[in-house]
Amino acid sequence: MIDLYTARTPNGFKVSVTLEELKMPYNFQSLDLSELEQKQDWFLKINPNGRIPAIIDRDNDDLVIFESGAIMIYLAEKAGKLMPTDRNARSRVMQWLMFQMGGVGPMMGQANVFFRYFPEKYQPAIDRYQNECRRLSEVVDCHLKSSECWRMIIR
């Protein structure tokens, strides 16, 4: 059984979506980020970085894993699904996962913070992150339009 520690945020949803897709049973433990529950000592023992998500795999000697990308790779490999064993296909999956982890996720997060949550509006930061989100979306859109998976989706 997997214990999932997360919150209802875009980053927090990645692992629960992966678990659902893999049809793996898990216990959902919601953390209240507004109460800084992720900074409490008990959670810092699970994730020293004090961020969500994190898991404990009770079926694997209570193995603790944090960082959404690392968790998703672990779960895919454990289930034997979503992660190809062929080196070239695996490389393609890893490239797009890293694209999301290092680009899409952080840039959309920053765009959201500067646009919605900062009390004063700093337009250069808003423009920079919104433009980068647009550019990253165009990369995905261009790739999907030229790939076989896109042709299968639009049929």
Protein backbone atom coordinates (compact mmCIF):
# COMPACT_ATOMS: atom_id res chain seq x y z
CA MET A 1 0.00 0.00 0.00
CA ILE A 2 1.17 3.50 -0.81
CA ASP A 3 0.65 6.40 1.60
CA LEU A 4 0.38 9.60 -0.45
CA TYR A 5 1.00 12.92 1.30
CA THR A 6 -0.19 15.76 -0.90
CA ALA A 7 -2.47 18.74 -1.31
CA ARG A 8 -4.92 19.90 -3.93
CA THR A 9 -2.46 21.76 -6.13
CA PRO A 10 -1.32 21.13 -9.71
CA ASN A 11 1.93 19.58 -8.45
CA GLY A 12 0.06 17.63 -5.82
CA PHE A 13 -2.29 16.09 -8.39
CA LYS A 14 0.50 14.54 -10.50
CA VAL A 15 1.06 11.58 -8.22
CA SER A 16 -2.61 10.90 -7.47
CA VAL A 17 -3.33 10.93 -11.22
CA THR A 18 -0.44 8.50 -11.73
CA LEU A 19 -1.70 6.21 -8.97
CA GLU A 20 -5.21 6.26 -10.43
CA GLU A 21 -3.92 5.58 -13.95
CA LEU A 22 -1.88 2.64 -12.65
CA LYS A 23 -4.87 1.45 -10.58
CA MET A 24 -2.63 1.19 -7.52
CA PRO A 25 -4.30 1.33 -4.11
CA TYR A 26 -3.22 4.18 -1.85
CA ASN A 27 -4.08 6.07 1.30
CA PHE A 28 -4.63 9.77 0.66
CA GLN A 29 -3.21 12.07 3.32
CA SER A 30 -4.15 15.69 2.63
CA LEU A 31 -1.84 18.37 3.99
CA ASP A 32 -3.14 21.83 4.80
CA LEU A 33 -0.60 24.12 3.14
CA SER A 34 -2.22 27.26 4.55
CA GLU A 35 -1.44 25.90 8.03
CA LEU A 36 2.14 25.05 6.92
CA GLU A 37 1.56 21.41 7.76
CA GLN A 38 4.28 20.51 5.23
CA LYS A 39 6.80 22.32 7.46
CA GLN A 40 5.98 20.38 10.62
CA ASP A 41 8.63 18.06 12.04
CA TRP A 42 6.67 14.89 11.34
CA PHE A 43 6.44 15.73 7.62
CA LEU A 44 10.03 16.99 7.36
CA LYS A 45 11.07 13.44 8.34
CA ILE A 46 9.29 12.28 5.17
CA ASN A 47 10.43 15.14 2.95
CA PRO A 48 13.27 17.28 4.29
CA ASN A 49 12.42 19.88 1.62
CA GLY A 50 9.00 20.46 3.18
CA ARG A 51 7.09 20.23 -0.09
CA ILE A 52 4.36 18.01 -1.45
CA PRO A 53 3.94 15.37 -2.77
CA ALA A 54 5.68 12.53 -0.98
CA ILE A 55 4.91 8.84 -0.64
CA ILE A 56 5.72 5.96 1.65
CA ASP A 57 5.62 2.53 0.01
CA ARG A 58 4.52 0.30 2.88
CA ASP A 59 5.07 -2.81 0.71
CA ASN A 60 8.74 -1.90 0.15
CA ASP A 61 10.18 -1.54 3.66
CA ASP A 62 8.43 1.82 4.13
CA LEU A 63 10.47 3.37 1.33
CA VAL A 64 10.03 7.16 1.31
CA ILE A 65 10.13 9.05 -1.99
CA PHE A 66 9.64 12.77 -2.53
CA GLU A 67 9.63 14.99 -5.65
CA SER A 68 6.76 14.33 -8.02
CA GLY A 69 8.91 13.25 -10.99
CA ALA A 70 10.87 10.75 -8.89
CA ILE A 71 7.63 9.38 -7.45
CA MET A 72 6.02 9.03 -10.88
CA ILE A 73 9.04 7.15 -12.26
CA TYR A 74 9.13 4.87 -9.23
CA LEU A 75 5.42 4.07 -9.47
CA ALA A 76 5.56 3.44 -13.23
CA GLU A 77 8.51 1.08 -12.82
CA LYS A 78 6.90 -0.67 -9.84
CA ALA A 79 3.70 -1.26 -11.81
CA GLY A 80 5.50 -2.12 -15.05
CA LYS A 81 3.33 0.40 -16.92
CA LEU A 82 3.70 3.87 -18.48
CA MET A 83 7.51 3.56 -18.62
CA PRO A 84 8.82 1.66 -21.66
CA THR A 85 11.70 -0.76 -21.21
CA ASP A 86 13.08 -0.06 -24.69
CA ARG A 87 15.93 2.44 -24.23
CA ASN A 88 14.85 4.79 -27.04
CA ALA A 89 11.19 4.83 -26.03
CA ARG A 90 12.15 5.28 -22.37
CA SER A 91 14.37 8.20 -23.36
CA ARG A 92 11.44 9.89 -25.11
CA VAL A 93 9.21 9.47 -22.05
CA MET A 94 11.94 10.80 -19.76
CA GLN A 95 12.54 13.81 -22.02
CA TRP A 96 8.90 14.88 -21.85
CA LEU A 97 8.70 14.20 -18.12
CA MET A 98 11.78 16.36 -17.54
CA PHE A 99 10.33 19.01 -19.88
CA GLN A 100 7.29 19.15 -17.62
CA MET A 101 9.26 18.98 -14.37
CA GLY A 102 11.87 21.59 -15.31
CA GLY A 103 9.86 23.83 -17.60
CA VAL A 104 6.08 23.64 -17.69
CA GLY A 105 5.51 23.09 -13.97
CA PRO A 106 7.83 25.76 -12.60
CA MET A 107 7.00 28.36 -15.25
CA MET A 108 3.24 27.97 -14.83
CA GLY A 109 3.70 28.06 -11.07
CA GLN A 110 5.62 31.34 -11.26
CA ALA A 111 3.14 32.82 -13.75
CA ASN A 112 0.33 31.99 -11.36
CA VAL A 113 2.10 33.41 -8.31
CA PHE A 114 3.06 36.72 -9.93
CA PHE A 115 -0.32 37.19 -11.62
CA ARG A 116 -2.68 36.05 -8.86
CA TYR A 117 -1.01 36.13 -5.46
CA PHE A 118 1.52 38.95 -5.23
CA PRO A 119 -0.15 42.01 -3.69
CA GLU A 120 1.60 44.39 -6.08
CA LYS A 121 1.71 43.65 -9.79
CA TYR A 122 5.20 43.50 -11.25
CA GLN A 123 4.43 43.50 -14.96
CA PRO A 124 7.89 42.47 -16.24
CA ALA A 125 7.72 39.27 -14.15
CA ILE A 126 4.12 38.59 -15.20
CA ASP A 127 5.03 39.10 -18.87
CA ARG A 128 8.17 36.96 -18.62
CA TYR A 129 6.41 33.94 -17.07
CA GLN A 130 3.25 34.20 -19.18
CA ASN A 131 5.35 34.42 -22.35
CA GLU A 132 7.40 31.41 -21.30
CA CYS A 133 4.19 29.45 -20.56
CA ARG A 134 2.93 30.35 -24.02
CA ARG A 135 6.23 29.26 -25.60
CA LEU A 136 6.24 25.93 -23.74
CA SER A 137 2.62 25.31 -24.76
CA GLU A 138 3.58 25.97 -28.37
CA VAL A 139 6.39 23.40 -28.10
CA VAL A 140 3.88 20.78 -26.93
CA ASP A 141 1.30 21.82 -29.52
CA CYS A 142 3.84 21.65 -32.34
CA HIS A 143 5.06 18.24 -31.21
CA LEU A 144 1.56 16.83 -30.91
CA LYS A 145 0.57 18.11 -34.35
CA SER A 146 3.52 16.31 -35.90
CA SER A 147 3.25 13.06 -33.95
CA GLU A 148 1.35 9.86 -34.53
CA CYS A 149 -0.38 10.18 -31.15
CA TRP A 150 -1.98 13.45 -32.24
CA ARG A 151 -3.31 11.85 -35.43
CA MET A 152 -4.85 9.10 -33.29
CA ILE A 153 -6.46 11.65 -30.93
CA ILE A 154 -8.13 13.72 -33.64
CA ARG A 155 -9.63 10.77 -35.52
